[in-house]
Amino acid sequence: MNFFKRKSKLEKLRLEYEKKMEASFHLSKINRKASDQLIQEAENILEQMKKEDESKT
């Protein structure tokens, strides 16, 4: 078993993307402008993930 496995940059970006999307969902019910900002940040992270994936292959 590998308990101390390091997360790759792609895994870290994926987790950050998921957190921002979840936060934007919860915020969309309260503050739409802040929710849209979080969605934009998540889209930027998604672009970084695509670039990272392309450079890997």
N, C-alpha and C. Protein backbone atom coordinates (compact mmCIF):
# COMPACT_ATOMS: atom_id res chain seq x y z
N MET A 1 0.83 -1.18 0.00
CA MET A 1 0.00 0.00 0.00
C MET A 1 0.88 1.24 0.00
N ASN A 2 0.38 2.24 -0.68
CA ASN A 2 1.16 3.46 -0.83
C ASN A 2 0.40 4.62 -0.19
N PHE A 3 0.57 4.77 1.13
CA PHE A 3 -0.14 5.80 1.87
C PHE A 3 0.40 7.19 1.59
N PHE A 4 1.66 7.29 1.24
CA PHE A 4 2.31 8.58 1.10
C PHE A 4 2.55 8.95 -0.35
N LYS A 5 1.68 8.51 -1.22
CA LYS A 5 1.80 8.82 -2.64
C LYS A 5 1.53 10.31 -2.85
N ARG A 6 2.41 10.95 -3.60
CA ARG A 6 2.23 12.36 -3.89
C ARG A 6 1.21 12.52 -5.00
N LYS A 7 0.46 13.58 -4.91
CA LYS A 7 -0.52 13.87 -5.94
C LYS A 7 0.18 14.59 -7.09
N SER A 8 -0.20 14.23 -8.29
CA SER A 8 0.37 14.90 -9.45
C SER A 8 -0.24 16.29 -9.57
N LYS A 9 0.36 17.10 -10.40
CA LYS A 9 -0.15 18.46 -10.60
C LYS A 9 -1.57 18.40 -11.17
N LEU A 10 -1.81 17.44 -12.04
CA LEU A 10 -3.13 17.29 -12.64
C LEU A 10 -4.18 16.93 -11.59
N GLU A 11 -3.84 16.06 -10.65
CA GLU A 11 -4.76 15.69 -9.58
C GLU A 11 -5.06 16.89 -8.68
N LYS A 12 -4.04 17.68 -8.39
CA LYS A 12 -4.24 18.86 -7.55
C LYS A 12 -5.15 19.86 -8.23
N LEU A 13 -4.95 20.05 -9.54
CA LEU A 13 -5.80 20.96 -10.29
C LEU A 13 -7.24 20.46 -10.33
N ARG A 14 -7.41 19.16 -10.49
CA ARG A 14 -8.76 18.58 -10.53
C ARG A 14 -9.49 18.81 -9.21
N LEU A 15 -8.79 18.61 -8.10
CA LEU A 15 -9.40 18.83 -6.79
C LEU A 15 -9.77 20.30 -6.59
N GLU A 16 -8.89 21.20 -7.03
CA GLU A 16 -9.17 22.63 -6.89
C GLU A 16 -10.37 23.01 -7.76
N TYR A 17 -10.44 22.44 -8.96
CA TYR A 17 -11.56 22.68 -9.87
C TYR A 17 -12.88 22.23 -9.23
N GLU A 18 -12.87 21.04 -8.66
CA GLU A 18 -14.09 20.51 -8.03
C GLU A 18 -14.53 21.38 -6.85
N LYS A 19 -13.58 21.86 -6.06
CA LYS A 19 -13.91 22.70 -4.91
C LYS A 19 -14.54 24.02 -5.37
N LYS A 20 -13.97 24.62 -6.41
CA LYS A 20 -14.51 25.89 -6.90
C LYS A 20 -15.90 25.70 -7.49
N MET A 21 -16.13 24.61 -8.20
CA MET A 21 -17.44 24.37 -8.81
C MET A 21 -18.49 24.13 -7.72
N GLU A 22 -18.11 23.40 -6.69
CA GLU A 22 -19.05 23.14 -5.58
C GLU A 22 -19.37 24.45 -4.85
N ALA A 23 -18.34 25.25 -4.60
CA ALA A 23 -18.55 26.52 -3.92
C ALA A 23 -19.42 27.45 -4.76
N SER A 24 -19.22 27.44 -6.07
CA SER A 24 -20.02 28.31 -6.93
C SER A 24 -21.47 27.86 -6.94
N PHE A 25 -21.71 26.56 -6.86
CA PHE A 25 -23.08 26.05 -6.81
C PHE A 25 -23.80 26.54 -5.56
N HIS A 26 -23.12 26.43 -4.42
CA HIS A 26 -23.73 26.87 -3.17
C HIS A 26 -23.92 28.39 -3.15
N LEU A 27 -22.97 29.11 -3.72
CA LEU A 27 -23.03 30.56 -3.73
C LEU A 27 -24.06 31.08 -4.73
N SER A 28 -24.40 30.28 -5.73
CA SER A 28 -25.34 30.74 -6.77
C SER A 28 -26.72 31.04 -6.19
N LYS A 29 -27.03 30.44 -5.08
CA LYS A 29 -28.32 30.67 -4.45
C LYS A 29 -28.34 31.96 -3.64
N ILE A 30 -27.14 32.49 -3.33
CA ILE A 30 -27.04 33.65 -2.46
C ILE A 30 -26.53 34.87 -3.23
N ASN A 31 -25.42 34.69 -3.94
CA ASN A 31 -24.76 35.81 -4.60
C ASN A 31 -24.32 35.37 -6.00
N ARG A 32 -25.10 35.72 -7.00
CA ARG A 32 -24.85 35.27 -8.36
C ARG A 32 -23.54 35.81 -8.92
N LYS A 33 -23.20 37.04 -8.59
CA LYS A 33 -21.98 37.65 -9.12
C LYS A 33 -20.73 36.91 -8.61
N ALA A 34 -20.71 36.60 -7.34
CA ALA A 34 -19.58 35.86 -6.76
C ALA A 34 -19.53 34.45 -7.32
N SER A 35 -20.69 33.86 -7.56
CA SER A 35 -20.76 32.53 -8.15
C SER A 35 -20.16 32.52 -9.55
N ASP A 36 -20.49 33.54 -10.34
CA ASP A 36 -19.95 33.65 -11.69
C ASP A 36 -18.43 33.81 -11.67
N GLN A 37 -17.94 34.53 -10.69
CA GLN A 37 -16.49 34.71 -10.56
C GLN A 37 -15.81 33.37 -10.26
N LEU A 38 -16.40 32.57 -9.38
CA LEU A 38 -15.84 31.26 -9.07
C LEU A 38 -15.89 30.33 -10.28
N ILE A 39 -16.94 30.43 -11.07
CA ILE A 39 -17.04 29.61 -12.27
C ILE A 39 -15.94 30.00 -13.25
N GLN A 40 -15.66 31.29 -13.37
CA GLN A 40 -14.59 31.74 -14.26
C GLN A 40 -13.24 31.21 -13.78
N GLU A 41 -13.01 31.24 -12.48
CA GLU A 41 -11.76 30.70 -11.93
C GLU A 41 -11.66 29.21 -12.20
N ALA A 42 -12.77 28.50 -12.08
CA ALA A 42 -12.79 27.06 -12.33
C ALA A 42 -12.49 26.78 -13.81
N GLU A 43 -13.02 27.61 -14.70
CA GLU A 43 -12.74 27.44 -16.13
C GLU A 43 -11.27 27.67 -16.43
N ASN A 44 -10.65 28.63 -15.74
CA ASN A 44 -9.21 28.86 -15.91
C ASN A 44 -8.42 27.63 -15.46
N ILE A 45 -8.84 27.03 -14.38
CA ILE A 45 -8.18 25.82 -13.88
C ILE A 45 -8.35 24.69 -14.89
N LEU A 46 -9.55 24.59 -15.49
CA LEU A 46 -9.81 23.57 -16.49
C LEU A 46 -8.87 23.75 -17.69
N GLU A 47 -8.63 24.98 -18.10
CA GLU A 47 -7.69 25.25 -19.19
C GLU A 47 -6.28 24.80 -18.81
N GLN A 48 -5.88 25.07 -17.58
CA GLN A 48 -4.57 24.63 -17.11
C GLN A 48 -4.47 23.11 -17.14
N MET A 49 -5.57 22.44 -16.77
CA MET A 49 -5.59 20.98 -16.79
C MET A 49 -5.42 20.46 -18.21
N LYS A 50 -6.07 21.09 -19.17
CA LYS A 50 -5.96 20.67 -20.56
C LYS A 50 -4.53 20.87 -21.06
N LYS A 51 -3.92 21.99 -20.72
CA LYS A 51 -2.53 22.25 -21.13
C LYS A 51 -1.60 21.24 -20.51
N GLU A 52 -1.81 20.93 -19.26
CA GLU A 52 -0.96 19.95 -18.55
C GLU A 52 -1.11 18.57 -19.17
N ASP A 53 -2.33 18.22 -19.52
CA ASP A 53 -2.60 16.91 -20.12
C ASP A 53 -1.96 16.82 -21.51
N GLU A 54 -2.05 17.90 -22.30
CA GLU A 54 -1.44 17.92 -23.63
C GLU A 54 0.06 17.82 -23.55
N SER A 55 0.66 18.47 -22.60
CA SER A 55 2.11 18.44 -22.48
C SER A 55 2.61 17.07 -22.01
N LYS A 56 1.73 16.35 -21.32
CA LYS A 56 2.09 15.02 -20.83
C LYS A 56 2.14 14.00 -21.96
N THR A 57 1.24 14.16 -22.93
CA THR A 57 1.18 13.18 -24.03
C THR A 57 1.95 13.61 -25.23
